[in-house]
Amino acid sequence: MKKIIALVLCFCLCLTVFAGCGGNANKGVLTIGLEADVDNFDPFTNQQDPFVRFINFNCYEALFHYDENMQLVMDLATSYEKVNETTYTFKLRENVTFHNGEAFTADDVIYTINTIKDEATGAWRSSQYANVAEMKAIDNYNLEIKLSAPQAGFIDNLAYTAIVSKSTTPASLTTNPVGTGAFKFVSWTPNDSIKFAKYEGYWEADKVELKELVFKIIPDSTVAVTNLKSGTIQFLGSIDIESANAVAEDKNLVLIESKSASTIYEFEIGRHNNSALANPDVVKAMFLALDKETVAKQVFGGKASVAKSPFPSVSKYYAEVDTDGYDIEKAKQLLSTTPYKDGFEFEVFVLNSDAASQQTLIIWQAALKQLGINMKINISEISVWLDAYLNRSYDMIANYYSMVGTDPSTYCSVIMAALADYQTKDLPELNNLITTSANGSDETVRANNYKQIQEMIVKYRPVASYVECANINGTTGELSGVTVNAMGHGFFKYATFSK
């Protein structure tokens, strides 16, 4: 009898071990691996990739969002109408509450947009709402917004904008995010994990199967993939090419790629900080020494293509304006015509989690030595990188972003507008073109303007794109219902585990 009991116990122990070795033992908890921690939860000012892509729109909600096919899905709005070139009306969803129990109304949308417009907020998307001239709550669930001029990207902007309660402040949201989303904030252990629980008062709570969302901070991509394989995490966001290959080779994992090549890898160049980098011929010579074809093949494993514009190739008004290939001799000759023919030194900031940019810089660094140019690579933790980025205190900084909206005015407002007082301050024509094109409605004029904008960005290179690729994420095979759009925003409210 004792022998039989021992065998039963042994069998049960084996089941327990196998349950821990793979899969998600607690089917109600989705654990997501993030490459870096956040430093706050304020949707007005936080530009950090992990927050923008995976936290923001699961805690907060916008009026609507773009799905994986870049089609609008209604959230806090149930419909909208463009009455004329400058007037929009919105029918808002009823019976919605914030996580603090307050009812959502039109006044919260008005408060949100006014907070973005307020210079004291320091909102990074404030330029997108500069044209908002008047907002009126017709009643609690009907809203009218009037613009001072036509703005083609206005709906894009709203799809990016998390709506907050009028009882909150940007300061209070930094550590206590209060939204209307499917998941309510629980706790944050810096550099370890962030926890959210299902919001039982959510307007679509009956369709939310998950009980918890846990964001686990795993800066090392190899460790992150190992955790995905073991089932310790079930979703890994914004993975690099090496990790993508590891996921693709594992039959128990699933690779999710965006349906378009929507992620641009770029360098933002501090023309205002370094006189050599303000010289267009110097910068052109430098990029003639960057073998983008080799980078696309070797660093990105053939999953990337050479960028020929600052805009993603799927962007409206896209034009191939950057067609120069690798030519080290031409680079030497061009540099010899400048005051920097004997070379110079500059520094590049790159995130310690951004392996692709690091490898690209190493390839480029070797080529630049042939021109007498010394590139110093500063591999930085996110706090150091972000400080340099936000203060524009760099010679150069490596960055990447996923497609910004469906209209190039959104790209210009997110990426370029922030540079107007820094590296493009001496380019008023470019800044004026960006402003007038965003406010126009004539398609022919806008197409011509955006071609000029792309050409000027390539000529002066305040921002220099070098490859574009799909936005890539990995999941365990048992997880389904997660959607990720071309902008890299992940939505987890319909996530479910196979039974």
Protein backbone atom coordinates (compact mmCIF):
# COMPACT_ATOMS: atom_id res chain seq x y z
CA MET A 1 0.00 0.00 0.00
CA LYS A 2 2.85 2.37 0.89
CA LYS A 3 4.43 1.63 -2.50
CA ILE A 4 1.21 2.57 -4.32
CA ILE A 5 0.91 5.85 -2.36
CA ALA A 6 4.52 6.67 -3.15
CA LEU A 7 3.92 6.10 -6.86
CA VAL A 8 0.85 8.35 -6.79
CA LEU A 9 2.79 11.09 -5.00
CA CYS A 10 5.62 10.75 -7.49
CA PHE A 11 3.15 11.02 -10.40
CA CYS A 12 1.57 14.15 -8.88
CA LEU A 13 5.00 15.68 -8.32
CA CYS A 14 5.90 15.07 -11.98
CA LEU A 15 2.71 16.78 -13.09
CA THR A 16 3.61 19.77 -10.93
CA VAL A 17 7.12 19.94 -12.36
CA PHE A 18 5.88 19.76 -15.96
CA ALA A 19 3.28 22.43 -15.25
CA GLY A 20 6.08 24.72 -14.08
CA CYS A 21 8.37 23.98 -17.03
CA GLY A 22 6.14 25.37 -19.74
CA GLY A 23 2.87 27.17 -20.28
CA ASN A 24 1.07 29.55 -18.02
CA ALA A 25 0.03 27.79 -14.82
CA ASN A 26 -2.33 30.62 -13.90
CA LYS A 27 -4.46 31.11 -16.99
CA GLY A 28 -5.91 34.35 -15.67
CA VAL A 29 -2.55 36.15 -15.61
CA LEU A 30 -0.79 37.43 -18.71
CA THR A 31 2.88 38.26 -18.09
CA ILE A 32 4.51 40.53 -20.65
CA GLY A 33 8.25 41.02 -21.05
CA LEU A 34 9.39 44.62 -21.50
CA GLU A 35 12.90 45.64 -22.53
CA ALA A 36 12.99 48.53 -20.06
CA ASP A 37 11.11 50.04 -17.14
CA VAL A 38 9.05 53.22 -17.34
CA ASP A 39 9.66 56.27 -15.17
CA ASN A 40 6.02 57.42 -14.92
CA PHE A 41 2.48 56.75 -16.18
CA ASP A 42 1.58 60.26 -17.35
CA PRO A 43 0.19 59.86 -20.90
CA PHE A 44 0.84 63.54 -21.66
CA THR A 45 4.61 63.47 -21.24
CA ASN A 46 5.78 59.84 -21.26
CA GLN A 47 7.42 59.03 -24.61
CA GLN A 48 9.05 55.79 -23.49
CA ASP A 49 8.52 52.92 -25.91
CA PRO A 50 7.34 50.32 -23.34
CA PHE A 51 4.73 52.74 -21.99
CA VAL A 52 3.47 54.03 -25.35
CA ARG A 53 3.26 50.60 -26.96
CA PHE A 54 2.02 48.28 -24.25
CA ILE A 55 0.84 50.07 -21.11
CA ASN A 56 -0.87 53.24 -22.24
CA PHE A 57 -3.91 51.88 -24.10
CA ASN A 58 -4.58 49.02 -21.73
CA CYS A 59 -4.94 51.31 -18.72
CA TYR A 60 -6.26 54.37 -20.55
CA GLU A 61 -8.44 54.54 -23.66
CA ALA A 62 -8.73 56.92 -26.58
CA LEU A 63 -11.90 57.81 -28.44
CA PHE A 64 -10.89 55.12 -30.93
CA HIS A 65 -7.78 53.22 -31.99
CA TYR A 66 -6.30 51.62 -35.11
CA ASP A 67 -6.38 47.82 -35.26
CA GLU A 68 -3.80 45.56 -36.92
CA ASN A 69 -5.29 46.42 -40.33
CA MET A 70 -5.09 50.15 -39.53
CA GLN A 71 -8.88 50.39 -39.42
CA LEU A 72 -10.53 52.54 -36.74
CA VAL A 73 -12.15 50.70 -33.83
CA MET A 74 -14.47 52.70 -31.60
CA ASP A 75 -13.60 52.95 -27.90
CA LEU A 76 -14.83 55.95 -25.88
CA ALA A 77 -16.56 57.27 -28.98
CA THR A 78 -19.20 55.20 -30.75
CA SER A 79 -19.14 57.33 -33.92
CA TYR A 80 -17.92 60.62 -35.33
CA GLU A 81 -18.82 62.92 -38.21
CA LYS A 82 -16.70 65.39 -40.13
CA VAL A 83 -19.29 68.14 -40.60
CA ASN A 84 -16.98 70.30 -42.70
CA GLU A 85 -13.23 70.92 -43.13
CA THR A 86 -12.91 72.32 -39.59
CA THR A 87 -15.80 70.89 -37.58
CA TYR A 88 -16.17 67.42 -36.06
CA THR A 89 -18.90 65.94 -33.89
CA PHE A 90 -18.51 62.86 -31.68
CA LYS A 91 -21.06 60.55 -30.13
CA LEU A 92 -19.54 59.27 -26.90
CA ARG A 93 -20.06 55.93 -25.19
CA GLU A 94 -22.47 55.98 -22.25
CA ASN A 95 -22.17 54.08 -18.97
CA VAL A 96 -18.39 54.26 -18.87
CA THR A 97 -16.53 54.91 -15.63
CA PHE A 98 -12.95 55.71 -14.77
CA HIS A 99 -11.01 53.44 -12.44
CA ASN A 100 -11.81 55.86 -9.58
CA GLY A 101 -15.54 55.33 -10.17
CA GLU A 102 -16.23 58.69 -11.82
CA ALA A 103 -18.50 58.74 -14.86
CA PHE A 104 -16.91 59.49 -18.24
CA THR A 105 -18.46 62.45 -20.10
CA ALA A 106 -17.65 64.95 -22.83
CA ASP A 107 -16.11 67.24 -20.22
CA ASP A 108 -13.31 64.71 -19.71
CA VAL A 109 -12.40 64.86 -23.42
CA ILE A 110 -12.39 68.66 -23.27
CA TYR A 111 -10.25 68.60 -20.14
CA THR A 112 -7.79 66.18 -21.74
CA ILE A 113 -7.30 68.28 -24.87
CA ASN A 114 -7.03 71.52 -22.90
CA THR A 115 -4.39 69.92 -20.68
CA ILE A 116 -2.41 68.92 -23.78
CA LYS A 117 -2.70 72.47 -25.15
CA ASP A 118 -1.52 74.01 -21.85
CA GLU A 119 2.20 74.83 -22.21
CA ALA A 120 2.71 74.16 -18.50
CA THR A 121 1.91 70.48 -19.09
CA GLY A 122 4.83 69.98 -21.44
CA ALA A 123 2.80 67.49 -23.48
CA TRP A 124 4.88 66.00 -26.27
CA ARG A 125 1.93 66.06 -28.65
CA SER A 126 0.83 69.63 -27.93
CA SER A 127 1.44 70.73 -31.53
CA GLN A 128 -1.21 68.27 -32.72
CA TYR A 129 -3.91 70.27 -30.92
CA ALA A 130 -2.71 73.80 -31.68
CA ASN A 131 -5.55 74.19 -34.20
CA VAL A 132 -8.31 73.34 -31.74
CA ALA A 133 -10.25 76.61 -31.55
CA GLU A 134 -13.42 75.59 -29.73
CA MET A 135 -14.84 72.57 -27.90
CA LYS A 136 -18.43 72.30 -26.78
CA ALA A 137 -20.22 69.60 -24.81
CA ILE A 138 -23.64 69.54 -26.43
CA ASP A 139 -24.60 67.20 -23.60
CA ASN A 140 -22.73 64.57 -21.57
CA TYR A 141 -22.31 62.27 -24.56
CA ASN A 142 -22.20 64.54 -27.58
CA LEU A 143 -19.16 66.69 -28.32
CA GLU A 144 -18.32 69.27 -30.99
CA ILE A 145 -14.75 70.29 -31.83
CA LYS A 146 -13.94 73.17 -34.16
CA LEU A 147 -10.51 73.77 -35.65
CA SER A 148 -9.03 77.07 -36.75
CA ALA A 149 -7.81 75.46 -39.99
CA PRO A 150 -8.20 72.11 -41.79
CA GLN A 151 -5.97 69.43 -40.26
CA ALA A 152 -5.65 66.18 -42.20
CA GLY A 153 -4.16 64.22 -39.30
CA PHE A 154 -6.70 65.24 -36.68
CA ILE A 155 -8.36 61.81 -36.41
CA ASP A 156 -4.91 60.21 -36.21
CA ASN A 157 -4.14 62.51 -33.29
CA LEU A 158 -7.28 61.51 -31.41
CA ALA A 159 -6.47 57.83 -31.94
CA TYR A 160 -3.22 58.48 -30.08
CA THR A 161 -4.72 60.44 -27.21
CA ALA A 162 -5.48 58.76 -23.89
CA ILE A 163 -8.51 60.37 -22.25
CA VAL A 164 -8.15 61.15 -18.55
CA SER A 165 -10.56 62.21 -15.83
CA LYS A 166 -11.04 65.92 -15.22
CA SER A 167 -10.37 65.25 -11.52
CA THR A 168 -6.79 64.16 -12.23
CA THR A 169 -3.65 66.17 -12.95
CA PRO A 170 -0.54 65.26 -14.95
CA ALA A 171 1.34 65.14 -11.64
CA SER A 172 -1.11 62.72 -10.03
CA LEU A 173 -1.02 60.44 -13.08
CA THR A 174 2.75 59.94 -12.90
CA THR A 175 2.41 57.37 -10.12
CA ASN A 176 -1.34 56.69 -10.06
CA PRO A 177 -2.71 56.18 -13.60
CA VAL A 178 -6.51 56.46 -13.72
CA GLY A 179 -8.13 55.59 -17.03
CA THR A 180 -11.20 53.85 -18.39
CA GLY A 181 -9.29 50.86 -19.80
CA ALA A 182 -9.82 47.18 -19.19
CA PHE A 183 -7.01 47.04 -16.63
CA LYS A 184 -6.63 49.03 -13.43
CA PHE A 185 -3.27 49.93 -11.91
CA VAL A 186 -2.24 47.89 -8.86
CA SER A 187 1.46 48.36 -8.16
CA TRP A 188 4.85 49.27 -9.56
CA THR A 189 8.15 47.84 -8.34
CA PRO A 190 10.79 49.87 -10.22
CA ASN A 191 13.12 47.83 -12.43
CA ASP A 192 11.15 44.68 -11.64
CA SER A 193 7.46 44.64 -12.49
CA ILE A 194 4.25 46.60 -13.03
CA LYS A 195 0.91 45.03 -12.14
CA PHE A 196 -2.61 45.73 -13.36
CA ALA A 197 -5.86 43.92 -12.52
CA LYS A 198 -9.02 43.56 -14.56
CA TYR A 199 -11.27 46.54 -13.98
CA GLU A 200 -14.57 45.00 -12.98
CA GLY A 201 -16.41 48.22 -13.84
CA TYR A 202 -15.13 48.20 -17.43
CA TRP A 203 -17.79 48.85 -20.06
CA GLU A 204 -16.91 45.60 -21.83
CA ALA A 205 -15.93 43.58 -18.75
CA ASP A 206 -17.85 40.50 -19.86
CA LYS A 207 -15.42 40.11 -22.80
CA VAL A 208 -12.26 40.42 -20.68
CA GLU A 209 -11.06 36.98 -19.57
CA LEU A 210 -7.77 38.00 -17.98
CA LYS A 211 -7.65 38.73 -14.28
CA GLU A 212 -4.21 40.36 -14.25
CA LEU A 213 -1.62 41.96 -16.51
CA VAL A 214 1.95 41.79 -15.24
CA PHE A 215 4.71 43.66 -17.05
CA LYS A 216 8.07 42.10 -16.22
CA ILE A 217 11.20 44.17 -16.87
CA ILE A 218 13.79 42.05 -18.71
CA PRO A 219 16.51 44.20 -20.34
CA ASP A 220 18.54 41.23 -21.63
CA SER A 221 16.93 39.94 -24.84
CA THR A 222 18.44 36.45 -24.47
CA VAL A 223 17.01 36.12 -20.97
CA ALA A 224 13.67 37.44 -22.24
CA VAL A 225 13.44 34.79 -24.97
CA THR A 226 14.40 32.09 -22.45
CA ASN A 227 11.54 33.28 -20.24
CA LEU A 228 9.17 33.14 -23.22
CA LYS A 229 10.24 29.60 -24.05
CA SER A 230 9.73 28.46 -20.46
CA GLY A 231 6.31 30.13 -20.25
CA THR A 232 7.40 32.45 -17.43
CA ILE A 233 6.24 35.25 -19.72
CA GLN A 234 3.69 34.75 -22.49
CA PHE A 235 4.21 37.88 -24.59
CA LEU A 236 7.45 39.59 -25.54
CA GLY A 237 7.12 43.03 -27.08
CA SER A 238 9.23 44.83 -29.69
CA ILE A 239 11.80 42.09 -30.08
CA ASP A 240 15.03 42.40 -32.03
CA ILE A 241 15.93 40.30 -35.07
CA GLU A 242 18.08 37.79 -33.18
CA SER A 243 15.24 37.19 -30.74
CA ALA A 244 12.74 37.01 -33.61
CA ASN A 245 14.75 34.22 -35.22
CA ALA A 246 14.88 32.33 -31.93
CA VAL A 247 11.09 32.64 -31.57
CA ALA A 248 10.46 31.59 -35.18
CA GLU A 249 12.55 28.43 -34.73
CA ASP A 250 10.57 27.28 -31.68
CA LYS A 251 7.43 25.32 -32.62
CA ASN A 252 5.80 26.25 -29.30
CA LEU A 253 6.09 30.00 -29.93
CA VAL A 254 4.40 32.37 -32.36
CA LEU A 255 6.00 35.34 -34.11
CA ILE A 256 3.66 38.29 -34.69
CA GLU A 257 4.78 40.67 -37.43
CA SER A 258 2.97 43.85 -38.47
CA LYS A 259 1.36 43.66 -41.89
CA SER A 260 3.54 46.44 -43.23
CA ALA A 261 7.20 47.42 -42.89
CA SER A 262 6.32 50.09 -40.41
CA THR A 263 9.28 50.38 -38.04
CA ILE A 264 11.98 52.90 -38.98
CA TYR A 265 15.48 52.80 -37.47
CA GLU A 266 17.08 56.23 -37.47
CA PHE A 267 19.68 58.56 -36.02
CA GLU A 268 18.63 61.97 -34.74
CA ILE A 269 21.46 64.42 -35.27
CA GLY A 270 22.28 67.35 -32.99
CA ARG A 271 23.08 69.88 -35.70
CA HIS A 272 22.67 72.60 -33.07
CA ASN A 273 25.32 71.02 -30.82
CA ASN A 274 28.05 70.06 -33.28
CA SER A 275 29.18 72.39 -36.08
CA ALA A 276 30.50 69.52 -38.20
CA LEU A 277 27.10 67.83 -38.13
CA ALA A 278 25.44 71.10 -39.21
CA ASN A 279 27.32 70.92 -42.50
CA PRO A 280 25.15 69.06 -45.07
CA ASP A 281 28.16 67.88 -47.10
CA VAL A 282 29.86 66.46 -44.02
CA VAL A 283 26.74 64.54 -43.02
CA LYS A 284 26.15 63.33 -46.57
CA ALA A 285 29.74 62.04 -46.67
CA MET A 286 29.16 60.24 -43.36
CA PHE A 287 26.07 58.47 -44.65
CA LEU A 288 27.80 57.53 -47.90
CA ALA A 289 30.04 55.54 -45.55
CA LEU A 290 27.10 53.70 -43.96
CA ASP A 291 26.52 50.43 -45.83
CA LYS A 292 22.77 50.20 -45.32
CA GLU A 293 22.41 47.12 -47.53
CA THR A 294 24.88 45.21 -45.35
CA VAL A 295 23.11 46.43 -42.20
CA ALA A 296 19.74 45.25 -43.56
CA LYS A 297 21.13 41.80 -44.39
CA GLN A 298 23.52 41.17 -41.52
CA VAL A 299 22.15 43.09 -38.56
CA PHE A 300 18.48 42.57 -39.40
CA GLY A 301 18.82 39.09 -40.91
CA GLY A 302 17.17 40.11 -44.15
CA LYS A 303 13.98 41.17 -42.34
CA ALA A 304 14.67 44.85 -43.10
CA SER A 305 15.01 46.90 -46.26
CA VAL A 306 16.97 50.08 -46.89
CA ALA A 307 15.01 53.22 -45.97
CA LYS A 308 14.77 55.68 -48.83
CA SER A 309 12.76 58.34 -47.01
CA PRO A 310 12.26 59.59 -43.46
CA PHE A 311 8.66 58.27 -43.81
CA PRO A 312 7.75 54.57 -43.80
CA SER A 313 7.15 53.31 -47.34
CA VAL A 314 3.45 52.74 -46.56
CA SER A 315 2.99 56.39 -45.59
CA LYS A 316 0.81 58.71 -47.60
CA TYR A 317 2.89 60.93 -49.95
CA TYR A 318 5.92 58.66 -49.54
CA ALA A 319 8.71 59.49 -52.01
CA GLU A 320 12.06 57.78 -52.59
CA VAL A 321 14.29 60.80 -52.00
CA ASP A 322 17.30 59.11 -50.39
CA THR A 323 18.81 56.87 -53.06
CA ASP A 324 22.56 57.23 -52.41
CA GLY A 325 24.23 53.90 -51.79
CA TYR A 326 27.43 52.98 -50.00
CA ASP A 327 30.42 54.69 -51.68
CA ILE A 328 33.45 55.20 -49.43
CA GLU A 329 35.56 56.86 -52.14
CA LYS A 330 32.84 59.36 -52.94
CA ALA A 331 32.51 60.00 -49.19
CA LYS A 332 36.24 60.76 -48.91
CA GLN A 333 36.13 63.11 -51.89
CA LEU A 334 33.08 65.00 -50.59
CA LEU A 335 34.51 65.37 -47.08
CA SER A 336 37.75 66.76 -48.55
CA THR A 337 35.80 69.78 -49.86
CA THR A 338 34.64 70.74 -46.35
CA PRO A 339 36.40 72.44 -43.41
CA TYR A 340 36.45 68.99 -41.77
CA LYS A 341 38.62 67.22 -44.34
CA ASP A 342 40.99 66.15 -41.56
CA GLY A 343 38.16 64.58 -39.62
CA PHE A 344 36.53 65.24 -36.24
CA GLU A 345 35.04 63.41 -33.27
CA PHE A 346 31.43 62.98 -32.18
CA GLU A 347 29.41 60.87 -29.74
CA VAL A 348 26.33 58.70 -30.29
CA PHE A 349 23.92 57.67 -27.53
CA VAL A 350 22.32 54.24 -27.95
CA LEU A 351 20.11 52.26 -25.59
CA ASN A 352 21.74 49.27 -23.92
CA SER A 353 18.70 47.20 -24.98
CA ASP A 354 18.90 48.26 -28.65
CA ALA A 355 21.23 45.57 -30.02
CA ALA A 356 20.43 46.31 -33.68
CA SER A 357 21.45 49.96 -33.42
CA GLN A 358 24.60 48.99 -31.51
CA GLN A 359 25.66 46.56 -34.23
CA THR A 360 24.89 49.13 -36.94
CA LEU A 361 27.03 51.71 -35.16
CA ILE A 362 29.97 49.30 -34.92
CA ILE A 363 29.82 48.69 -38.69
CA TRP A 364 29.55 52.42 -39.37
CA GLN A 365 32.26 53.29 -36.87
CA ALA A 366 34.82 51.20 -38.78
CA ALA A 367 33.91 52.87 -42.09
CA LEU A 368 34.05 56.38 -40.63
CA LYS A 369 37.62 55.74 -39.44
CA GLN A 370 38.57 55.62 -43.12
CA LEU A 371 37.37 59.23 -43.33
CA GLY A 372 39.30 60.26 -40.23
CA ILE A 373 36.07 60.58 -38.26
CA ASN A 374 36.06 59.16 -34.73
CA MET A 375 32.66 57.97 -33.54
CA LYS A 376 32.35 57.38 -29.78
CA ILE A 377 29.51 54.97 -28.95
CA ASN A 378 27.82 55.68 -25.61
CA ILE A 379 25.75 52.59 -24.67
CA SER A 380 23.33 53.99 -22.11
CA GLU A 381 20.67 52.89 -19.67
CA ILE A 382 17.26 54.30 -20.52
CA SER A 383 17.41 57.09 -17.91
CA VAL A 384 20.66 58.45 -19.39
CA TRP A 385 19.47 57.97 -22.98
CA LEU A 386 16.11 59.62 -22.25
CA ASP A 387 17.72 62.61 -20.54
CA ALA A 388 19.89 63.23 -23.61
CA TYR A 389 16.92 62.69 -25.93
CA LEU A 390 14.46 64.98 -24.16
CA ASN A 391 17.02 67.75 -23.65
CA ARG A 392 18.37 67.41 -27.21
CA SER A 393 21.83 67.41 -25.63
CA TYR A 394 23.40 64.88 -27.99
CA ASP A 395 25.67 64.98 -31.02
CA MET A 396 23.69 62.02 -32.30
CA ILE A 397 21.24 59.55 -30.80
CA ALA A 398 20.03 56.18 -32.10
CA ASN A 399 16.29 55.70 -32.10
CA TYR A 400 13.51 53.72 -33.76
CA TYR A 401 9.78 54.21 -34.04
CA SER A 402 6.80 52.47 -35.57
CA MET A 403 4.57 54.11 -38.14
CA VAL A 404 3.03 57.25 -36.70
CA GLY A 405 -0.62 57.42 -37.75
CA THR A 406 -1.84 57.24 -41.34
CA ASP A 407 -0.97 60.79 -42.41
CA PRO A 408 2.58 62.24 -42.56
CA SER A 409 1.45 65.30 -40.61
CA THR A 410 1.31 63.03 -37.58
CA TYR A 411 4.88 61.87 -38.14
CA CYS A 412 5.98 65.47 -38.49
CA SER A 413 4.19 66.56 -35.33
CA VAL A 414 5.55 63.65 -33.26
CA ILE A 415 9.10 63.38 -34.62
CA MET A 416 9.92 66.73 -36.25
CA ALA A 417 8.00 69.34 -34.24
CA ALA A 418 10.07 68.57 -31.14
CA LEU A 419 13.21 69.52 -33.08
CA ALA A 420 12.03 72.97 -34.21
CA ASP A 421 13.80 74.81 -31.38
CA TYR A 422 16.92 72.68 -31.69
CA GLN A 423 18.40 71.00 -34.76
CA THR A 424 15.96 72.56 -37.25
CA LYS A 425 15.94 76.04 -35.73
CA ASP A 426 18.10 77.26 -38.64
CA LEU A 427 15.69 75.67 -41.15
CA PRO A 428 12.61 77.92 -41.00
CA GLU A 429 11.48 76.87 -44.47
CA LEU A 430 11.26 73.24 -43.34
CA ASN A 431 9.39 74.14 -40.16
CA ASN A 432 6.97 76.37 -42.08
CA LEU A 433 6.32 73.64 -44.64
CA ILE A 434 5.55 71.17 -41.86
CA THR A 435 3.05 73.58 -40.28
CA THR A 436 1.29 74.62 -43.49
CA SER A 437 1.08 71.05 -44.80
CA ALA A 438 -0.56 69.83 -41.61
CA ASN A 439 -3.18 72.54 -41.87
CA GLY A 440 -3.95 72.19 -45.56
CA SER A 441 -6.63 70.20 -47.37
CA ASP A 442 -5.59 70.46 -51.04
CA GLU A 443 -4.18 67.02 -51.92
CA THR A 444 -2.00 68.26 -54.77
CA VAL A 445 -0.44 70.96 -52.62
CA ARG A 446 0.09 68.59 -49.72
CA ALA A 447 1.73 65.95 -51.94
CA ASN A 448 4.16 68.54 -53.31
CA ASN A 449 4.86 69.93 -49.83
CA TYR A 450 5.57 66.53 -48.33
CA LYS A 451 7.94 65.68 -51.15
CA GLN A 452 9.83 68.88 -50.33
CA ILE A 453 9.77 68.04 -46.62
CA GLN A 454 11.26 64.60 -47.27
CA GLU A 455 13.92 66.10 -49.55
CA MET A 456 14.90 68.74 -46.99
CA ILE A 457 15.12 66.20 -44.17
CA VAL A 458 17.44 64.07 -46.30
CA LYS A 459 19.52 67.08 -47.31
CA TYR A 460 20.12 68.45 -43.81
CA ARG A 461 19.50 65.23 -41.85
CA PRO A 462 18.19 66.42 -38.50
CA VAL A 463 16.83 62.87 -38.63
CA ALA A 464 18.41 60.15 -40.76
CA SER A 465 16.53 56.89 -41.41
CA TYR A 466 18.54 53.90 -42.57
CA VAL A 467 16.34 50.76 -42.56
CA GLU A 468 12.68 49.88 -42.17
CA CYS A 469 11.23 46.59 -41.00
CA ALA A 470 8.11 45.03 -39.58
CA ASN A 471 7.18 45.54 -35.95
CA ILE A 472 7.85 42.15 -34.33
CA ASN A 473 6.51 40.55 -31.14
CA GLY A 474 6.58 37.00 -29.78
CA THR A 475 4.00 34.94 -27.89
CA THR A 476 3.55 31.47 -26.49
CA GLY A 477 1.38 29.19 -28.63
CA GLU A 478 -1.38 29.05 -26.03
CA LEU A 479 -1.99 32.82 -26.11
CA SER A 480 -4.43 34.35 -28.59
CA GLY A 481 -6.60 37.45 -28.94
CA VAL A 482 -3.75 39.97 -28.69
CA THR A 483 -3.69 42.63 -31.43
CA VAL A 484 -0.77 44.86 -32.34
CA ASN A 485 -1.19 47.62 -34.90
CA ALA A 486 1.39 49.00 -37.32
CA MET A 487 2.28 51.69 -34.79
CA GLY A 488 3.32 49.01 -32.31
CA HIS A 489 0.41 49.54 -29.90
CA GLY A 490 -0.54 46.27 -28.21
CA PHE A 491 -4.09 45.63 -26.98
CA PHE A 492 -4.61 42.86 -24.44
CA LYS A 493 -8.25 43.13 -23.37
CA TYR A 494 -9.38 40.24 -25.59
CA ALA A 495 -6.36 38.07 -24.77
CA THR A 496 -7.13 34.49 -23.82
CA PHE A 497 -5.29 31.25 -23.15
CA SER A 498 -6.23 27.97 -24.80
CA LYS A 499 -8.05 25.68 -22.41
